[in-house]
N, C-alpha and C. Protein backbone atom coordinates (compact mmCIF):
# COMPACT_ATOMS: atom_id res chain seq x y z
N MET A 1 126.41 139.58 67.59
CA MET A 1 126.42 139.63 66.14
C MET A 1 124.99 139.65 65.66
N ASP A 2 124.70 140.42 64.61
CA ASP A 2 123.36 140.47 64.04
C ASP A 2 123.23 139.45 62.94
N HIS A 3 122.06 138.76 62.93
CA HIS A 3 121.79 137.79 61.90
C HIS A 3 120.52 138.19 61.17
N PRO A 4 120.52 138.22 59.83
CA PRO A 4 119.33 138.61 59.10
C PRO A 4 118.26 137.55 59.21
N GLU A 5 117.01 137.99 59.35
CA GLU A 5 115.88 137.09 59.30
C GLU A 5 115.44 136.92 57.87
N ALA A 6 114.40 136.11 57.65
CA ALA A 6 113.92 135.86 56.29
C ALA A 6 113.44 137.14 55.63
N GLY A 7 112.87 138.05 56.43
CA GLY A 7 112.35 139.28 55.86
C GLY A 7 113.41 140.33 55.66
N GLY A 8 114.64 140.02 55.99
CA GLY A 8 115.73 140.97 55.76
C GLY A 8 116.06 141.82 56.96
N GLU A 9 115.25 141.74 58.05
CA GLU A 9 115.54 142.54 59.24
C GLU A 9 116.59 141.82 60.08
N ALA A 10 117.42 142.59 60.73
CA ALA A 10 118.47 142.03 61.57
C ALA A 10 118.01 141.97 63.02
N VAL A 11 118.33 140.87 63.71
CA VAL A 11 118.01 140.74 65.12
C VAL A 11 119.31 140.47 65.87
N ALA A 12 119.37 140.98 67.08
CA ALA A 12 120.58 140.79 67.89
C ALA A 12 120.54 139.42 68.56
N VAL A 13 121.61 138.68 68.46
CA VAL A 13 121.74 137.38 69.11
C VAL A 13 122.77 137.51 70.21
N PRO A 14 122.37 137.27 71.47
CA PRO A 14 123.34 137.42 72.56
C PRO A 14 124.46 136.41 72.42
N PRO A 15 125.67 136.79 72.75
CA PRO A 15 126.80 135.86 72.64
C PRO A 15 126.67 134.73 73.65
N VAL A 16 127.09 133.55 73.27
CA VAL A 16 127.09 132.40 74.17
C VAL A 16 128.27 132.54 75.13
N ARG A 17 127.97 132.46 76.41
CA ARG A 17 129.04 132.60 77.40
C ARG A 17 129.79 131.28 77.53
N ARG A 18 131.06 131.34 77.26
CA ARG A 18 131.89 130.15 77.37
C ARG A 18 132.53 130.12 78.76
N LEU A 19 132.24 129.06 79.49
CA LEU A 19 132.80 128.93 80.82
C LEU A 19 134.23 128.44 80.75
N ARG A 20 135.03 128.89 81.70
CA ARG A 20 136.37 128.34 81.83
C ARG A 20 136.27 126.87 82.22
N ARG A 21 137.33 126.14 81.97
CA ARG A 21 137.29 124.69 82.21
C ARG A 21 136.92 124.36 83.66
N ALA A 22 137.49 125.08 84.61
CA ALA A 22 137.20 124.81 86.02
C ALA A 22 135.73 125.09 86.34
N GLU A 23 135.18 126.17 85.76
CA GLU A 23 133.78 126.50 85.99
C GLU A 23 132.87 125.43 85.39
N ARG A 24 133.20 124.99 84.19
CA ARG A 24 132.40 123.95 83.55
C ARG A 24 132.44 122.66 84.36
N ARG A 25 133.61 122.34 84.86
CA ARG A 25 133.74 121.13 85.69
C ARG A 25 132.83 121.23 86.92
N GLU A 26 132.83 122.38 87.58
CA GLU A 26 131.97 122.56 88.75
C GLU A 26 130.50 122.46 88.37
N GLN A 27 130.13 122.99 87.21
CA GLN A 27 128.76 122.89 86.74
C GLN A 27 128.36 121.42 86.58
N ILE A 28 129.26 120.64 85.99
CA ILE A 28 128.98 119.22 85.79
C ILE A 28 128.89 118.50 87.13
N LEU A 29 129.80 118.81 88.04
CA LEU A 29 129.77 118.17 89.35
C LEU A 29 128.48 118.51 90.11
N ASP A 30 128.04 119.76 90.01
CA ASP A 30 126.79 120.16 90.66
C ASP A 30 125.62 119.34 90.10
N ALA A 31 125.55 119.25 88.78
CA ALA A 31 124.47 118.52 88.14
C ALA A 31 124.54 117.03 88.47
N ALA A 32 125.74 116.47 88.46
CA ALA A 32 125.91 115.05 88.76
C ALA A 32 125.53 114.75 90.20
N THR A 33 125.87 115.64 91.11
CA THR A 33 125.49 115.45 92.51
C THR A 33 123.98 115.37 92.65
N ARG A 34 123.27 116.28 92.01
CA ARG A 34 121.80 116.25 92.08
C ARG A 34 121.24 114.97 91.46
N ALA A 35 121.76 114.60 90.29
CA ALA A 35 121.25 113.43 89.59
C ALA A 35 121.53 112.14 90.37
N PHE A 36 122.76 111.97 90.84
CA PHE A 36 123.11 110.77 91.59
C PHE A 36 122.32 110.68 92.90
N ALA A 37 122.09 111.82 93.55
CA ALA A 37 121.39 111.81 94.83
C ALA A 37 119.93 111.40 94.67
N ARG A 38 119.36 111.64 93.50
CA ARG A 38 117.97 111.26 93.29
C ARG A 38 117.79 109.75 93.18
N ALA A 39 118.73 109.07 92.52
CA ALA A 39 118.50 107.66 92.22
C ALA A 39 119.67 106.74 92.53
N GLY A 40 120.80 107.27 92.92
CA GLY A 40 121.96 106.43 93.17
C GLY A 40 122.80 106.23 91.93
N TYR A 41 123.91 105.57 92.12
CA TYR A 41 124.89 105.43 91.05
C TYR A 41 124.42 104.51 89.93
N ALA A 42 123.91 103.34 90.28
CA ALA A 42 123.62 102.32 89.27
C ALA A 42 122.55 102.78 88.28
N VAL A 43 121.52 103.44 88.78
CA VAL A 43 120.38 103.81 87.93
C VAL A 43 120.66 105.06 87.10
N THR A 44 121.51 105.92 87.58
CA THR A 44 121.77 107.19 86.91
C THR A 44 122.75 107.01 85.76
N GLY A 45 122.39 107.46 84.57
CA GLY A 45 123.26 107.36 83.42
C GLY A 45 123.87 108.70 83.05
N LEU A 46 124.85 108.67 82.19
CA LEU A 46 125.47 109.91 81.75
C LEU A 46 124.48 110.80 81.00
N ASP A 47 123.53 110.20 80.31
CA ASP A 47 122.52 111.00 79.64
C ASP A 47 121.68 111.78 80.65
N ASP A 48 121.39 111.16 81.79
CA ASP A 48 120.64 111.85 82.85
C ASP A 48 121.43 113.05 83.37
N ILE A 49 122.73 112.86 83.53
CA ILE A 49 123.57 113.94 84.05
C ILE A 49 123.73 115.04 83.01
N ALA A 50 123.89 114.67 81.76
CA ALA A 50 123.99 115.66 80.69
C ALA A 50 122.73 116.51 80.62
N ALA A 51 121.58 115.85 80.76
CA ALA A 51 120.31 116.59 80.74
C ALA A 51 120.21 117.52 81.94
N GLU A 52 120.65 117.05 83.10
CA GLU A 52 120.60 117.87 84.31
C GLU A 52 121.50 119.09 84.17
N ALA A 53 122.63 118.91 83.52
CA ALA A 53 123.59 120.00 83.35
C ALA A 53 123.30 120.85 82.11
N GLU A 54 122.33 120.41 81.29
CA GLU A 54 122.00 121.08 80.04
C GLU A 54 123.22 121.16 79.12
N LEU A 55 123.90 120.01 79.05
CA LEU A 55 125.08 119.88 78.20
C LEU A 55 124.93 118.60 77.36
N THR A 56 125.83 118.45 76.42
CA THR A 56 125.85 117.21 75.65
C THR A 56 126.69 116.16 76.39
N ARG A 57 126.42 114.92 76.05
CA ARG A 57 127.22 113.84 76.62
C ARG A 57 128.69 113.99 76.23
N ALA A 58 128.93 114.47 75.01
CA ALA A 58 130.31 114.67 74.57
C ALA A 58 131.03 115.68 75.47
N MET A 59 130.30 116.69 75.96
CA MET A 59 130.91 117.68 76.85
C MET A 59 131.33 117.03 78.16
N LEU A 60 130.54 116.08 78.65
CA LEU A 60 130.92 115.39 79.89
C LEU A 60 132.24 114.66 79.71
N TYR A 61 132.40 114.03 78.54
CA TYR A 61 133.61 113.24 78.28
C TYR A 61 134.85 114.12 78.12
N ARG A 62 134.67 115.40 77.90
CA ARG A 62 135.82 116.30 77.85
C ARG A 62 136.42 116.51 79.25
N HIS A 63 135.63 116.24 80.26
CA HIS A 63 136.07 116.49 81.64
C HIS A 63 136.24 115.22 82.46
N PHE A 64 135.50 114.15 82.11
CA PHE A 64 135.55 112.92 82.90
C PHE A 64 135.59 111.72 81.95
N ASP A 65 136.40 110.73 82.30
CA ASP A 65 136.61 109.58 81.42
C ASP A 65 135.42 108.62 81.39
N SER A 66 134.65 108.58 82.49
CA SER A 66 133.57 107.60 82.59
C SER A 66 132.61 108.04 83.68
N LYS A 67 131.50 107.31 83.80
CA LYS A 67 130.56 107.59 84.89
C LYS A 67 131.21 107.35 86.24
N ALA A 68 132.01 106.29 86.33
CA ALA A 68 132.69 105.99 87.59
C ALA A 68 133.65 107.11 87.96
N ASP A 69 134.37 107.64 86.99
CA ASP A 69 135.30 108.74 87.22
C ASP A 69 134.54 109.97 87.71
N LEU A 70 133.41 110.24 87.11
CA LEU A 70 132.60 111.39 87.52
C LEU A 70 132.05 111.19 88.93
N TYR A 71 131.57 110.00 89.22
CA TYR A 71 131.01 109.74 90.55
C TYR A 71 132.08 109.87 91.63
N ARG A 72 133.26 109.35 91.34
CA ARG A 72 134.35 109.47 92.31
C ARG A 72 134.68 110.94 92.55
N ALA A 73 134.67 111.75 91.50
CA ALA A 73 134.94 113.18 91.65
C ALA A 73 133.87 113.86 92.49
N VAL A 74 132.62 113.45 92.30
CA VAL A 74 131.53 114.00 93.11
C VAL A 74 131.73 113.66 94.58
N LEU A 75 132.07 112.41 94.87
CA LEU A 75 132.28 111.99 96.25
C LEU A 75 133.49 112.68 96.86
N ASP A 76 134.57 112.79 96.10
CA ASP A 76 135.77 113.46 96.60
C ASP A 76 135.48 114.92 96.94
N ARG A 77 134.71 115.59 96.10
CA ARG A 77 134.39 116.99 96.38
C ARG A 77 133.52 117.11 97.62
N ALA A 78 132.53 116.23 97.76
CA ALA A 78 131.68 116.26 98.94
C ALA A 78 132.50 115.99 100.20
N CYS A 79 133.45 115.07 100.11
CA CYS A 79 134.30 114.75 101.25
C CYS A 79 135.18 115.93 101.62
N THR A 80 135.75 116.59 100.62
CA THR A 80 136.60 117.75 100.87
C THR A 80 135.81 118.88 101.51
N ARG A 81 134.62 119.14 101.00
CA ARG A 81 133.78 120.18 101.58
C ARG A 81 133.42 119.88 103.03
N LEU A 82 133.13 118.62 103.30
CA LEU A 82 132.78 118.22 104.67
C LEU A 82 133.96 118.42 105.61
N ALA A 83 135.16 118.01 105.17
CA ALA A 83 136.35 118.17 106.00
C ALA A 83 136.65 119.64 106.26
N GLU A 84 136.49 120.47 105.24
CA GLU A 84 136.75 121.91 105.39
C GLU A 84 135.76 122.54 106.36
N ALA A 85 134.53 122.05 106.36
CA ALA A 85 133.50 122.65 107.20
C ALA A 85 133.56 122.19 108.65
N THR A 86 134.05 120.97 108.86
CA THR A 86 133.98 120.41 110.20
C THR A 86 135.32 120.22 110.88
N GLY A 87 136.42 120.26 110.12
CA GLY A 87 137.71 119.94 110.71
C GLY A 87 137.84 118.43 110.84
N ALA A 88 138.97 117.98 111.29
CA ALA A 88 139.18 116.53 111.31
C ALA A 88 139.81 116.00 112.59
N ASP A 89 140.14 116.86 113.52
CA ASP A 89 140.95 116.41 114.65
C ASP A 89 140.27 116.48 116.01
N ASP A 90 139.11 117.09 116.10
CA ASP A 90 138.53 117.30 117.41
C ASP A 90 137.04 117.05 117.36
N PHE A 91 136.49 116.64 118.49
CA PHE A 91 135.06 116.45 118.61
C PHE A 91 134.58 117.32 119.75
N GLY A 92 134.75 118.63 119.58
CA GLY A 92 134.40 119.59 120.62
C GLY A 92 132.95 120.02 120.51
N ASP A 93 132.65 121.12 121.21
CA ASP A 93 131.26 121.60 121.29
C ASP A 93 130.70 122.02 119.94
N ASP A 94 131.57 122.43 119.02
CA ASP A 94 131.08 122.92 117.73
C ASP A 94 131.02 121.83 116.67
N ALA A 95 131.39 120.61 117.03
CA ALA A 95 131.48 119.55 116.02
C ALA A 95 130.12 119.24 115.39
N ILE A 96 129.11 119.03 116.22
CA ILE A 96 127.79 118.67 115.68
C ILE A 96 127.14 119.86 114.98
N PRO A 97 127.17 121.08 115.53
CA PRO A 97 126.65 122.22 114.77
C PRO A 97 127.35 122.39 113.42
N ALA A 98 128.68 122.18 113.39
CA ALA A 98 129.41 122.29 112.13
C ALA A 98 128.99 121.21 111.14
N LEU A 99 128.74 120.01 111.65
CA LEU A 99 128.29 118.92 110.78
C LEU A 99 126.92 119.23 110.19
N LEU A 100 126.03 119.78 110.99
CA LEU A 100 124.70 120.16 110.51
C LEU A 100 124.79 121.26 109.47
N ARG A 101 125.66 122.23 109.71
CA ARG A 101 125.81 123.31 108.73
C ARG A 101 126.35 122.77 107.41
N ALA A 102 127.31 121.86 107.49
CA ALA A 102 127.88 121.29 106.27
C ALA A 102 126.82 120.48 105.52
N ALA A 103 126.03 119.72 106.23
CA ALA A 103 124.98 118.92 105.59
C ALA A 103 123.93 119.82 104.96
N ALA A 104 123.56 120.90 105.64
CA ALA A 104 122.56 121.82 105.10
C ALA A 104 123.08 122.55 103.87
N ALA A 105 124.38 122.83 103.83
CA ALA A 105 124.97 123.53 102.69
C ALA A 105 125.07 122.65 101.46
N ASP A 106 125.18 121.33 101.65
CA ASP A 106 125.33 120.41 100.52
C ASP A 106 124.58 119.12 100.83
N PRO A 107 123.25 119.18 100.94
CA PRO A 107 122.50 117.98 101.35
C PRO A 107 122.63 116.82 100.39
N ASP A 108 122.66 117.11 99.09
CA ASP A 108 122.79 116.01 98.13
C ASP A 108 124.15 115.33 98.26
N GLY A 109 125.21 116.12 98.40
CA GLY A 109 126.53 115.55 98.58
C GLY A 109 126.63 114.73 99.86
N PHE A 110 126.00 115.22 100.92
CA PHE A 110 126.03 114.52 102.21
C PHE A 110 125.32 113.18 102.09
N ARG A 111 124.15 113.18 101.45
CA ARG A 111 123.42 111.92 101.28
C ARG A 111 124.20 110.94 100.39
N LEU A 112 124.86 111.47 99.37
CA LEU A 112 125.65 110.58 98.51
C LEU A 112 126.74 109.88 99.31
N LEU A 113 127.43 110.64 100.15
CA LEU A 113 128.52 110.06 100.93
C LEU A 113 128.02 109.00 101.90
N PHE A 114 126.98 109.33 102.64
CA PHE A 114 126.63 108.49 103.79
C PHE A 114 125.38 107.64 103.61
N ARG A 115 124.71 107.77 102.48
CA ARG A 115 123.58 106.89 102.20
C ARG A 115 123.85 106.04 100.96
N HIS A 116 124.09 106.69 99.83
CA HIS A 116 124.23 105.95 98.57
C HIS A 116 125.57 105.23 98.47
N ALA A 117 126.67 105.96 98.61
CA ALA A 117 127.98 105.35 98.38
C ALA A 117 128.28 104.23 99.37
N ALA A 118 127.71 104.32 100.55
CA ALA A 118 127.93 103.27 101.55
C ALA A 118 127.35 101.93 101.10
N ARG A 119 126.43 101.96 100.12
CA ARG A 119 125.80 100.73 99.63
C ARG A 119 126.40 100.26 98.31
N GLU A 120 127.41 100.95 97.83
CA GLU A 120 127.96 100.66 96.52
C GLU A 120 129.39 100.12 96.68
N PRO A 121 129.59 98.83 96.44
CA PRO A 121 130.89 98.20 96.72
C PRO A 121 132.07 98.89 96.04
N ASP A 122 131.87 99.41 94.83
CA ASP A 122 132.99 100.00 94.09
C ASP A 122 133.48 101.29 94.73
N PHE A 123 132.67 101.89 95.60
CA PHE A 123 133.05 103.18 96.20
C PHE A 123 133.05 103.12 97.72
N ARG A 124 132.90 101.92 98.25
CA ARG A 124 132.81 101.78 99.70
C ARG A 124 134.12 102.13 100.39
N ASP A 125 135.24 102.05 99.65
CA ASP A 125 136.54 102.32 100.27
C ASP A 125 136.62 103.74 100.81
N LEU A 126 136.02 104.70 100.08
CA LEU A 126 136.06 106.09 100.55
C LEU A 126 135.27 106.24 101.84
N ILE A 127 134.08 105.64 101.87
CA ILE A 127 133.24 105.75 103.07
C ILE A 127 133.90 105.03 104.24
N ASP A 128 134.51 103.88 103.97
CA ASP A 128 135.20 103.16 105.05
C ASP A 128 136.33 103.99 105.64
N SER A 129 137.03 104.73 104.79
CA SER A 129 138.13 105.56 105.30
C SER A 129 137.60 106.71 106.14
N ILE A 130 136.47 107.31 105.72
CA ILE A 130 135.85 108.38 106.51
C ILE A 130 135.37 107.83 107.85
N THR A 131 134.73 106.67 107.80
CA THR A 131 134.20 106.06 109.03
C THR A 131 135.32 105.71 109.99
N ALA A 132 136.41 105.17 109.46
CA ALA A 132 137.53 104.81 110.32
C ALA A 132 138.15 106.05 110.96
N ALA A 133 138.28 107.12 110.18
CA ALA A 133 138.84 108.36 110.71
C ALA A 133 137.92 108.94 111.79
N SER A 134 136.60 108.87 111.56
CA SER A 134 135.64 109.38 112.54
C SER A 134 135.71 108.59 113.84
N ARG A 135 135.83 107.27 113.72
CA ARG A 135 135.95 106.44 114.92
C ARG A 135 137.23 106.77 115.70
N GLU A 136 138.32 107.01 114.97
CA GLU A 136 139.58 107.31 115.63
C GLU A 136 139.51 108.64 116.38
N VAL A 137 138.92 109.66 115.71
CA VAL A 137 138.76 110.95 116.37
C VAL A 137 137.86 110.81 117.59
N GLY A 138 136.74 110.09 117.41
CA GLY A 138 135.83 109.90 118.52
C GLY A 138 136.48 109.16 119.67
N ARG A 139 137.21 108.12 119.35
CA ARG A 139 137.87 107.33 120.40
C ARG A 139 138.88 108.17 121.16
N ARG A 140 139.66 108.97 120.44
CA ARG A 140 140.68 109.80 121.08
C ARG A 140 140.04 110.79 122.06
N ASN A 141 138.91 111.36 121.66
CA ASN A 141 138.25 112.34 122.53
C ASN A 141 137.48 111.67 123.66
N LEU A 142 136.85 110.53 123.38
CA LEU A 142 136.10 109.83 124.41
C LEU A 142 137.01 109.23 125.47
N ALA A 143 138.26 108.91 125.09
CA ALA A 143 139.20 108.32 126.04
C ALA A 143 139.51 109.27 127.20
N ARG A 144 139.17 110.53 127.05
CA ARG A 144 139.38 111.48 128.16
C ARG A 144 138.40 111.23 129.30
N VAL A 145 137.25 110.60 128.99
CA VAL A 145 136.22 110.42 130.03
C VAL A 145 135.81 108.96 130.22
N ILE A 146 136.17 108.09 129.27
CA ILE A 146 135.79 106.68 129.38
C ILE A 146 137.07 105.85 129.37
N PRO A 147 137.28 104.98 130.36
CA PRO A 147 138.51 104.18 130.40
C PRO A 147 138.59 103.21 129.22
N GLU A 148 139.79 102.81 128.91
CA GLU A 148 140.03 101.83 127.84
C GLU A 148 139.25 100.55 128.14
N GLY A 149 138.65 99.99 127.10
CA GLY A 149 137.92 98.75 127.30
C GLY A 149 136.71 98.66 126.39
N PRO A 150 135.86 97.66 126.61
CA PRO A 150 134.71 97.43 125.71
C PRO A 150 133.74 98.60 125.62
N TRP A 151 133.53 99.32 126.71
CA TRP A 151 132.57 100.42 126.66
C TRP A 151 133.12 101.58 125.83
N LEU A 152 134.40 101.81 125.89
CA LEU A 152 134.99 102.82 125.03
C LEU A 152 134.86 102.41 123.57
N ASP A 153 135.13 101.14 123.28
CA ASP A 153 134.99 100.64 121.91
C ASP A 153 133.55 100.84 121.42
N TRP A 154 132.60 100.50 122.27
CA TRP A 154 131.18 100.61 121.90
C TRP A 154 130.81 102.06 121.59
N ALA A 155 131.19 102.98 122.48
CA ALA A 155 130.83 104.38 122.28
C ALA A 155 131.53 104.97 121.06
N ALA A 156 132.80 104.61 120.85
CA ALA A 156 133.55 105.14 119.72
C ALA A 156 132.98 104.66 118.39
N ASN A 157 132.42 103.44 118.37
CA ASN A 157 131.79 102.94 117.15
C ASN A 157 130.39 103.51 116.95
N LEU A 158 129.66 103.65 118.03
CA LEU A 158 128.25 104.05 117.93
C LEU A 158 128.06 105.54 117.64
N ILE A 159 128.81 106.39 118.31
CA ILE A 159 128.53 107.83 118.23
C ILE A 159 128.68 108.39 116.82
N PRO A 160 129.77 108.09 116.08
CA PRO A 160 129.85 108.63 114.72
C PRO A 160 128.71 108.13 113.82
N ALA A 161 128.40 106.83 113.91
CA ALA A 161 127.34 106.26 113.08
C ALA A 161 125.99 106.86 113.45
N PHE A 162 125.72 106.94 114.74
CA PHE A 162 124.46 107.52 115.20
C PHE A 162 124.32 108.97 114.76
N THR A 163 125.40 109.74 114.89
CA THR A 163 125.34 111.16 114.55
C THR A 163 125.04 111.35 113.07
N LEU A 164 125.70 110.59 112.21
CA LEU A 164 125.45 110.71 110.77
C LEU A 164 124.02 110.34 110.43
N GLU A 165 123.50 109.27 111.03
CA GLU A 165 122.12 108.86 110.77
C GLU A 165 121.15 109.93 111.25
N ALA A 166 121.46 110.55 112.38
CA ALA A 166 120.59 111.61 112.90
C ALA A 166 120.58 112.81 111.96
N VAL A 167 121.73 113.16 111.41
CA VAL A 167 121.80 114.29 110.50
C VAL A 167 121.02 114.00 109.21
N ILE A 168 121.15 112.78 108.69
CA ILE A 168 120.40 112.41 107.49
C ILE A 168 118.90 112.43 107.77
N ALA A 169 118.48 111.95 108.93
CA ALA A 169 117.06 112.00 109.29
C ALA A 169 116.59 113.45 109.36
N TRP A 170 117.43 114.33 109.88
CA TRP A 170 117.10 115.76 109.95
C TRP A 170 116.96 116.35 108.55
N LEU A 171 117.86 116.00 107.64
CA LEU A 171 117.74 116.46 106.26
C LEU A 171 116.45 115.96 105.63
N ASP A 172 116.17 114.67 105.82
CA ASP A 172 114.98 114.07 105.21
C ASP A 172 113.70 114.68 105.76
N ALA A 173 113.75 115.13 107.00
CA ALA A 173 112.57 115.74 107.62
C ALA A 173 112.37 117.20 107.20
N GLY A 174 113.29 117.72 106.37
CA GLY A 174 113.16 119.10 105.92
C GLY A 174 113.95 120.10 106.73
N GLN A 175 114.93 119.62 107.51
CA GLN A 175 115.79 120.47 108.33
C GLN A 175 114.99 121.29 109.35
N PRO A 176 114.14 120.61 110.16
CA PRO A 176 113.32 121.35 111.13
C PRO A 176 114.15 121.89 112.29
N ASP A 177 113.67 122.99 112.86
CA ASP A 177 114.28 123.57 114.07
C ASP A 177 115.79 123.57 114.03
N PRO A 178 116.40 124.24 113.05
CA PRO A 178 117.87 124.18 112.93
C PRO A 178 118.61 124.65 114.17
N ASP A 179 118.02 125.58 114.91
CA ASP A 179 118.70 126.08 116.11
C ASP A 179 118.72 125.04 117.23
N GLN A 180 117.72 124.16 117.24
CA GLN A 180 117.64 123.16 118.30
C GLN A 180 118.18 121.80 117.87
N ALA A 181 118.36 121.59 116.57
CA ALA A 181 118.76 120.26 116.09
C ALA A 181 120.07 119.82 116.70
N ALA A 182 121.06 120.70 116.73
CA ALA A 182 122.36 120.34 117.30
C ALA A 182 122.23 119.98 118.77
N GLU A 183 121.39 120.71 119.50
CA GLU A 183 121.22 120.44 120.93
C GLU A 183 120.59 119.07 121.14
N ARG A 184 119.63 118.70 120.30
CA ARG A 184 118.96 117.41 120.45
C ARG A 184 119.93 116.26 120.15
N ILE A 185 120.71 116.40 119.08
CA ILE A 185 121.66 115.34 118.75
C ILE A 185 122.75 115.26 119.81
N THR A 186 123.22 116.41 120.28
CA THR A 186 124.25 116.44 121.32
C THR A 186 123.76 115.78 122.59
N ALA A 187 122.51 116.02 122.95
CA ALA A 187 121.94 115.41 124.16
C ALA A 187 121.95 113.89 124.04
N ALA A 188 121.61 113.39 122.84
CA ALA A 188 121.62 111.94 122.63
C ALA A 188 123.04 111.38 122.71
N VAL A 189 124.01 112.11 122.16
CA VAL A 189 125.41 111.69 122.24
C VAL A 189 125.87 111.64 123.70
N HIS A 190 125.50 112.65 124.45
CA HIS A 190 125.86 112.67 125.88
C HIS A 190 125.22 111.49 126.62
N GLY A 191 124.03 111.08 126.16
CA GLY A 191 123.41 109.90 126.76
C GLY A 191 124.23 108.64 126.52
N VAL A 192 124.77 108.51 125.33
CA VAL A 192 125.64 107.36 125.02
C VAL A 192 126.90 107.41 125.89
N ILE A 193 127.48 108.59 126.01
CA ILE A 193 128.69 108.73 126.83
C ILE A 193 128.39 108.37 128.28
N ALA A 194 127.25 108.84 128.79
CA ALA A 194 126.88 108.53 130.17
C ALA A 194 126.67 107.03 130.36
N ALA A 195 126.07 106.39 129.35
CA ALA A 195 125.82 104.95 129.45
C ALA A 195 127.13 104.16 129.44
N ALA A 196 128.14 104.70 128.76
CA ALA A 196 129.43 104.00 128.66
C ALA A 196 130.35 104.32 129.83
N HIS A 197 130.00 105.30 130.64
CA HIS A 197 130.88 105.71 131.73
C HIS A 197 130.82 104.68 132.86
N PRO A 198 131.96 104.42 133.52
CA PRO A 198 131.97 103.41 134.60
C PRO A 198 130.96 103.70 135.69
N SER A 199 130.65 104.95 135.94
CA SER A 199 129.71 105.28 137.01
C SER A 199 128.31 104.75 136.73
N ALA A 200 128.04 104.43 135.48
CA ALA A 200 126.73 103.89 135.14
C ALA A 200 126.59 102.44 135.57
N TYR A 201 127.72 101.81 135.90
CA TYR A 201 127.70 100.39 136.26
C TYR A 201 128.46 100.20 137.57
N PRO A 202 127.83 100.57 138.70
CA PRO A 202 128.53 100.43 139.99
C PRO A 202 128.79 98.96 140.33
N PRO A 203 129.82 98.70 141.10
CA PRO A 203 130.13 97.33 141.46
C PRO A 203 128.95 96.65 142.15
N ALA A 204 128.78 95.37 141.92
CA ALA A 204 127.67 94.63 142.54
C ALA A 204 127.93 94.46 144.03
C-alpha cells in the first residue's frame, strides 16, 4: 500500500509478513533456546526472550502461559529432536556419531538439556527420565559382553554420563576435528568396557 509523505509524494511500504501460528511458535522457541542457553532459566526473563525474537512480550503470551511453560516447551523440543536423531533402543556403532551430529545441529538445545536443566530442580524430572532411559539402553547392550554384577552397573552408569560430558566439552571447544571426535569418544567408551570386563581382573 502507498502512503503519502509530508511533501505529498507516495512511497511503497512493503507488507508485513504474518507468520502462521506454528511458524511463530517455532520462531519463539528458537529465540528462547538461544536466550536460555546464554544464562540459564533463572536469570533469563520474558523480556530477554521477546527482544531475542524481536517480538512483544504480549506476543509471547499468545503462545505460552508463562516462562516455565516456554522453558518446558524448549526442553521438550530439544528432547524430541535428540531422540529423532539418535534413536532410543540401541547403542551400536553409529550411536556416538549420531549424538555428535544431533549436538552440532542444535548446540544450544543440547546444552540446555544436559547442562542447564540438570541444575534446575523444577525441570530435573525430564533430565532424570532421559538419564534413566540412557542407562537402561546402555545396560541392555553392555550385558552382551559384561556379566551381571557391580561392574555392569558401574559401566552402565558411567558410559552415558561420560559420553554426554564429552560431547558438551567438544561443543565448548568449538567442535574440533568432527571426523575424529566420534572415534576419540568411542575409544574412551571401549576403555571403560574393557575395564569392566571380567578378563581385566583375573583370579588371584
